[in-house]
N, C-alpha and C. Protein backbone atom coordinates (compact mmCIF):
# COMPACT_ATOMS: atom_id res chain seq x y z
N MET A 1 149.46 178.47 139.24
CA MET A 1 149.70 177.28 140.19
C MET A 1 151.02 176.69 140.07
N THR A 2 151.46 176.37 141.35
CA THR A 2 152.90 175.70 141.34
C THR A 2 152.82 174.27 140.66
N ILE A 3 153.88 173.40 140.71
CA ILE A 3 153.95 172.17 140.06
C ILE A 3 153.07 171.20 141.07
N PRO A 4 153.41 171.40 142.41
CA PRO A 4 152.62 170.34 143.51
C PRO A 4 150.93 170.63 143.21
N GLU A 5 150.78 172.06 143.08
CA GLU A 5 149.32 172.26 142.81
C GLU A 5 148.78 171.64 141.41
N ILE A 6 149.37 171.81 140.40
CA ILE A 6 149.01 170.87 139.04
C ILE A 6 148.85 169.50 139.22
N ALA A 7 149.94 169.02 140.00
CA ALA A 7 149.68 167.64 140.22
C ALA A 7 148.52 167.13 140.99
N LYS A 8 148.11 167.97 141.91
CA LYS A 8 146.67 167.69 142.68
C LYS A 8 145.69 167.81 141.82
N LYS A 9 145.56 169.00 140.95
CA LYS A 9 144.65 169.30 139.84
C LYS A 9 144.34 168.25 138.95
N LEU A 10 145.46 167.56 138.38
CA LEU A 10 145.43 166.64 137.40
C LEU A 10 145.34 165.20 137.75
N THR A 11 145.44 165.10 139.30
CA THR A 11 145.58 164.01 139.82
C THR A 11 146.67 163.01 139.32
N ILE A 12 147.94 163.48 139.34
CA ILE A 12 149.08 162.89 138.94
C ILE A 12 150.02 163.06 140.07
N SER A 13 150.98 161.95 140.06
CA SER A 13 152.08 162.38 141.10
C SER A 13 152.75 163.68 141.03
N GLN A 14 153.47 164.25 142.01
CA GLN A 14 154.14 165.54 141.91
C GLN A 14 155.36 165.27 141.03
N GLN A 15 156.00 163.99 141.10
CA GLN A 15 157.39 163.42 140.27
C GLN A 15 156.92 163.39 138.91
N PHE A 16 155.75 162.97 138.64
CA PHE A 16 155.47 163.06 137.24
C PHE A 16 155.17 164.33 136.66
N ALA A 17 154.51 165.47 137.48
CA ALA A 17 154.16 166.52 137.11
C ALA A 17 155.48 167.47 136.95
N TYR A 18 156.68 167.09 137.90
CA TYR A 18 157.75 167.57 137.57
C TYR A 18 158.67 167.19 136.39
N GLU A 19 158.23 165.93 135.93
CA GLU A 19 158.82 165.42 134.54
C GLU A 19 158.26 166.17 133.39
N LEU A 20 156.79 166.32 133.55
CA LEU A 20 156.23 167.09 132.43
C LEU A 20 156.85 168.51 132.38
N VAL A 21 157.00 169.10 133.33
CA VAL A 21 157.49 170.50 133.38
C VAL A 21 159.13 170.41 133.03
N ASN A 22 159.82 169.71 133.42
CA ASN A 22 161.23 169.60 133.21
C ASN A 22 161.46 169.06 131.72
N HIS A 23 160.87 168.34 131.13
CA HIS A 23 160.85 167.83 129.83
C HIS A 23 160.21 168.88 128.68
N GLN A 24 159.77 169.94 129.29
CA GLN A 24 158.95 171.14 128.63
C GLN A 24 157.87 170.73 127.90
N LEU A 25 157.24 169.56 128.43
CA LEU A 25 155.85 169.32 127.93
C LEU A 25 154.59 170.05 128.48
N MET A 26 154.97 170.46 129.65
CA MET A 26 153.94 171.41 130.19
C MET A 26 154.52 172.77 130.07
N PRO A 27 153.75 173.77 129.61
CA PRO A 27 154.21 175.09 129.53
C PRO A 27 154.24 175.57 130.93
N TYR A 28 155.13 176.69 131.02
CA TYR A 28 155.06 177.47 132.28
C TYR A 28 155.85 178.73 132.01
N THR A 29 155.68 179.46 133.13
CA THR A 29 156.47 181.03 133.15
C THR A 29 157.38 180.77 134.58
N ILE A 30 158.24 181.53 134.52
CA ILE A 30 159.04 181.89 135.77
C ILE A 30 158.79 183.11 136.49
N ILE A 31 158.53 182.95 137.59
CA ILE A 31 158.31 184.13 138.38
C ILE A 31 159.67 184.50 139.09
N LYS A 32 160.25 185.50 138.53
CA LYS A 32 161.69 185.99 138.70
C LYS A 32 161.92 186.24 140.47
N ARG A 33 161.09 186.83 140.84
CA ARG A 33 161.49 187.24 142.42
C ARG A 33 161.74 185.96 143.40
N ASN A 34 161.14 184.92 142.93
CA ASN A 34 161.42 183.78 143.77
C ASN A 34 161.68 182.36 142.78
N ASN A 35 162.03 182.58 141.63
CA ASN A 35 162.46 181.57 140.64
C ASN A 35 161.53 180.38 140.55
N THR A 36 160.30 180.73 140.89
CA THR A 36 159.17 179.77 140.85
C THR A 36 158.45 179.38 139.36
N ARG A 37 158.52 178.13 139.06
CA ARG A 37 157.85 177.67 137.75
C ARG A 37 156.37 177.92 137.92
N TRP A 38 155.41 178.72 137.16
CA TRP A 38 154.11 178.76 137.56
C TRP A 38 153.26 178.33 136.10
N ILE A 39 152.20 177.71 136.64
CA ILE A 39 151.61 177.16 135.44
C ILE A 39 150.04 177.51 135.63
N THR A 40 149.62 178.16 134.49
CA THR A 40 148.19 178.61 134.37
C THR A 40 147.23 177.71 133.88
N GLU A 41 145.92 178.01 134.05
CA GLU A 41 144.89 177.08 133.30
C GLU A 41 145.12 177.31 131.83
N ASP A 42 145.39 178.18 131.34
CA ASP A 42 145.74 178.19 129.62
C ASP A 42 147.24 177.27 129.71
N ASN A 43 148.22 177.30 130.54
CA ASN A 43 149.01 176.05 130.38
C ASN A 43 148.60 174.69 130.15
N ILE A 44 147.68 174.50 131.05
CA ILE A 44 147.13 173.15 131.27
C ILE A 44 146.32 172.85 129.82
N LYS A 45 145.57 173.93 129.53
CA LYS A 45 144.86 173.62 128.24
C LYS A 45 145.63 173.48 127.10
N THR A 46 146.75 174.08 127.01
CA THR A 46 147.90 173.79 125.93
C THR A 46 148.26 172.51 125.96
N PHE A 47 148.62 172.13 127.14
CA PHE A 47 149.19 170.64 127.33
C PHE A 47 148.04 169.58 126.93
N ASN A 48 146.90 169.61 127.34
CA ASN A 48 145.81 168.71 127.11
C ASN A 48 145.65 168.82 125.52
N LYS A 49 145.89 170.00 124.77
CA LYS A 49 145.54 169.88 123.49
C LYS A 49 146.71 169.21 122.60
N ASN A 50 147.76 169.35 123.36
CA ASN A 50 148.84 168.57 122.47
C ASN A 50 149.13 167.12 123.09
N TYR A 51 148.84 166.72 124.20
CA TYR A 51 149.30 165.47 124.77
C TYR A 51 148.34 164.64 125.33
N ILE A 52 148.34 163.27 125.40
CA ILE A 52 147.49 162.41 126.05
C ILE A 52 148.31 161.61 127.01
N ILE A 53 147.99 161.66 128.40
CA ILE A 53 148.57 160.60 129.33
C ILE A 53 147.69 159.32 129.25
N LEU A 54 148.33 158.29 128.85
CA LEU A 54 147.78 156.94 128.67
C LEU A 54 146.95 156.46 129.77
N SER A 55 147.43 156.60 130.76
CA SER A 55 146.88 156.04 132.03
C SER A 55 145.51 156.64 132.38
N LYS A 56 145.60 158.05 132.27
CA LYS A 56 144.22 158.88 132.51
C LYS A 56 143.04 158.63 131.42
N LEU A 57 143.14 158.70 130.21
CA LEU A 57 142.60 158.42 129.24
C LEU A 57 142.12 156.88 129.22
N ALA A 58 142.87 155.72 129.49
CA ALA A 58 142.26 154.47 129.59
C ALA A 58 141.37 154.57 130.76
N LYS A 59 141.56 154.97 131.98
CA LYS A 59 140.74 155.04 132.88
C LYS A 59 139.49 155.74 132.81
N GLU A 60 139.38 156.86 131.90
CA GLU A 60 138.20 157.72 131.41
C GLU A 60 137.41 156.46 130.62
N LYS A 61 138.22 155.94 129.65
CA LYS A 61 137.41 155.18 128.79
C LYS A 61 136.98 153.86 129.25
N GLY A 62 137.50 153.46 130.61
CA GLY A 62 137.22 152.28 131.11
C GLY A 62 137.84 150.92 130.33
N ILE A 63 139.01 151.14 130.09
CA ILE A 63 139.73 149.94 129.39
C ILE A 63 141.23 150.02 129.85
N SER A 64 141.75 149.11 129.58
CA SER A 64 143.27 148.70 130.18
C SER A 64 144.42 149.54 129.38
N SER A 65 145.21 150.18 129.88
CA SER A 65 146.18 151.04 129.34
C SER A 65 146.94 150.23 128.11
N LYS A 66 147.00 148.89 128.35
CA LYS A 66 147.59 147.98 127.39
C LYS A 66 146.90 147.99 126.07
N LYS A 67 145.42 147.78 126.38
CA LYS A 67 144.44 147.76 124.87
C LYS A 67 144.50 149.13 124.32
N LEU A 68 144.39 150.11 125.30
CA LEU A 68 144.45 151.52 124.61
C LEU A 68 145.71 151.94 123.91
N MET A 69 146.81 151.57 124.41
CA MET A 69 148.24 151.80 123.59
C MET A 69 148.10 151.05 122.48
N ALA A 70 147.68 149.86 122.40
CA ALA A 70 147.63 149.11 121.04
C ALA A 70 146.71 149.74 120.04
N LYS A 71 145.66 150.36 120.62
CA LYS A 71 144.76 151.39 119.72
C LYS A 71 145.53 152.63 119.20
N LEU A 72 146.30 153.02 120.05
CA LEU A 72 146.88 154.55 119.68
C LEU A 72 148.15 154.10 118.57
N GLU A 73 148.96 152.91 119.01
CA GLU A 73 149.82 152.60 118.13
C GLU A 73 149.52 152.22 116.77
N ASN A 74 148.20 151.99 116.40
CA ASN A 74 147.61 151.77 115.23
C ASN A 74 147.26 153.00 114.53
N MET A 75 147.29 154.01 115.22
CA MET A 75 146.90 155.54 114.95
C MET A 75 148.33 156.25 114.76
N SER A 76 149.32 155.69 114.55
CA SER A 76 150.64 156.44 114.66
C SER A 76 150.61 157.95 113.81
N ASP A 77 149.75 157.82 112.75
CA ASP A 77 149.77 159.21 112.01
C ASP A 77 149.08 160.11 112.75
N VAL A 78 148.42 159.95 113.89
CA VAL A 78 147.55 160.94 114.71
C VAL A 78 148.24 160.89 116.17
N TYR A 79 148.81 159.88 116.77
CA TYR A 79 149.49 159.99 118.01
C TYR A 79 150.88 159.35 118.08
N GLN A 80 151.70 160.03 118.70
CA GLN A 80 153.11 159.71 118.57
C GLN A 80 153.67 159.41 120.11
N LYS A 81 154.03 158.15 120.38
CA LYS A 81 154.41 157.71 121.68
C LYS A 81 155.73 158.61 122.11
N LEU A 82 155.99 159.03 123.13
CA LEU A 82 157.18 159.94 123.62
C LEU A 82 157.96 159.08 124.27
N THR A 83 159.29 158.95 124.01
CA THR A 83 160.06 158.29 124.70
C THR A 83 161.13 159.09 125.38
N LEU A 84 160.77 159.40 126.51
CA LEU A 84 161.62 160.39 127.33
C LEU A 84 161.84 159.80 128.57
N GLY A 85 161.48 158.53 128.70
CA GLY A 85 161.90 158.13 130.30
C GLY A 85 161.04 158.47 131.27
N LEU A 86 159.64 159.16 130.69
CA LEU A 86 158.97 159.52 131.95
C LEU A 86 158.39 158.41 132.62
N LYS A 87 157.73 158.60 134.00
CA LYS A 87 156.90 157.85 134.82
C LYS A 87 155.98 157.15 134.08
N GLN A 88 155.05 157.76 133.35
CA GLN A 88 154.04 157.50 132.65
C GLN A 88 154.06 157.57 131.17
N VAL A 89 153.20 156.97 130.38
CA VAL A 89 153.30 156.94 128.91
C VAL A 89 152.73 158.32 128.35
N VAL A 90 152.99 158.86 127.58
CA VAL A 90 152.49 160.15 127.06
C VAL A 90 152.55 160.13 125.77
N TYR A 91 151.59 160.38 125.06
CA TYR A 91 151.43 160.47 123.47
C TYR A 91 151.43 161.80 123.06
N LYS A 92 151.87 162.30 122.12
CA LYS A 92 151.98 163.72 121.56
C LYS A 92 151.07 163.56 120.33
N LYS A 93 149.71 164.46 120.18
CA LYS A 93 149.14 164.63 119.11
C LYS A 93 149.70 165.21 117.87
N THR A 94 149.76 164.63 116.81
CA THR A 94 150.39 165.27 115.43
C THR A 94 149.82 166.32 115.34
N PRO A 95 150.35 167.35 114.49
CA PRO A 95 149.74 168.55 114.72
C PRO A 95 148.91 168.94 113.18
N TYR A 96 148.89 167.95 112.27
CA TYR A 96 147.97 167.99 111.04
C TYR A 96 146.76 167.63 111.43
N ILE A 97 146.20 166.80 112.58
CA ILE A 97 144.92 166.63 113.10
C ILE A 97 144.51 166.59 114.34
N TYR A 98 143.54 167.28 114.98
CA TYR A 98 143.33 167.22 116.34
C TYR A 98 141.81 166.68 116.44
N ILE A 99 141.60 165.37 117.27
CA ILE A 99 140.42 164.92 117.22
C ILE A 99 140.08 164.78 118.69
N SER A 100 138.80 164.66 119.19
CA SER A 100 138.60 164.49 120.74
C SER A 100 138.87 163.30 121.10
N ASN A 101 139.11 162.91 122.23
CA ASN A 101 139.45 161.74 122.81
C ASN A 101 138.34 160.61 122.58
N PHE A 102 137.00 161.09 122.66
CA PHE A 102 136.13 160.27 122.39
C PHE A 102 136.14 159.49 120.68
N ALA A 103 136.68 160.19 119.85
CA ALA A 103 136.75 159.93 118.52
C ALA A 103 137.89 158.87 118.26
N ILE A 104 138.55 158.47 119.14
CA ILE A 104 139.62 157.74 118.90
C ILE A 104 139.39 156.11 119.18
N LEU A 105 138.26 155.82 119.99
CA LEU A 105 137.72 154.45 120.37
C LEU A 105 136.48 154.19 119.62
């Protein structure tokens, strides 16, 4: 998929999708013949395994982003807020533990 296609699939803006790719949070490969960055389903799975988009998880859980951020800040041994100047807040899951999104609340 192209970056605009993953934006639609993940229901995020194209700008944010480009930020994820440009900051190397979303894995991709380059198609040499036209220099296109190509994202596969496996790349999306890898992203979801390693990162949380705050607004999407808050919506899924039915709570405000502010409340969820407070919960995640109290779990800094599990989630690390990225400070890359992204359009949205993204947390990286720490490597020593992976828990489902349902286990955090």
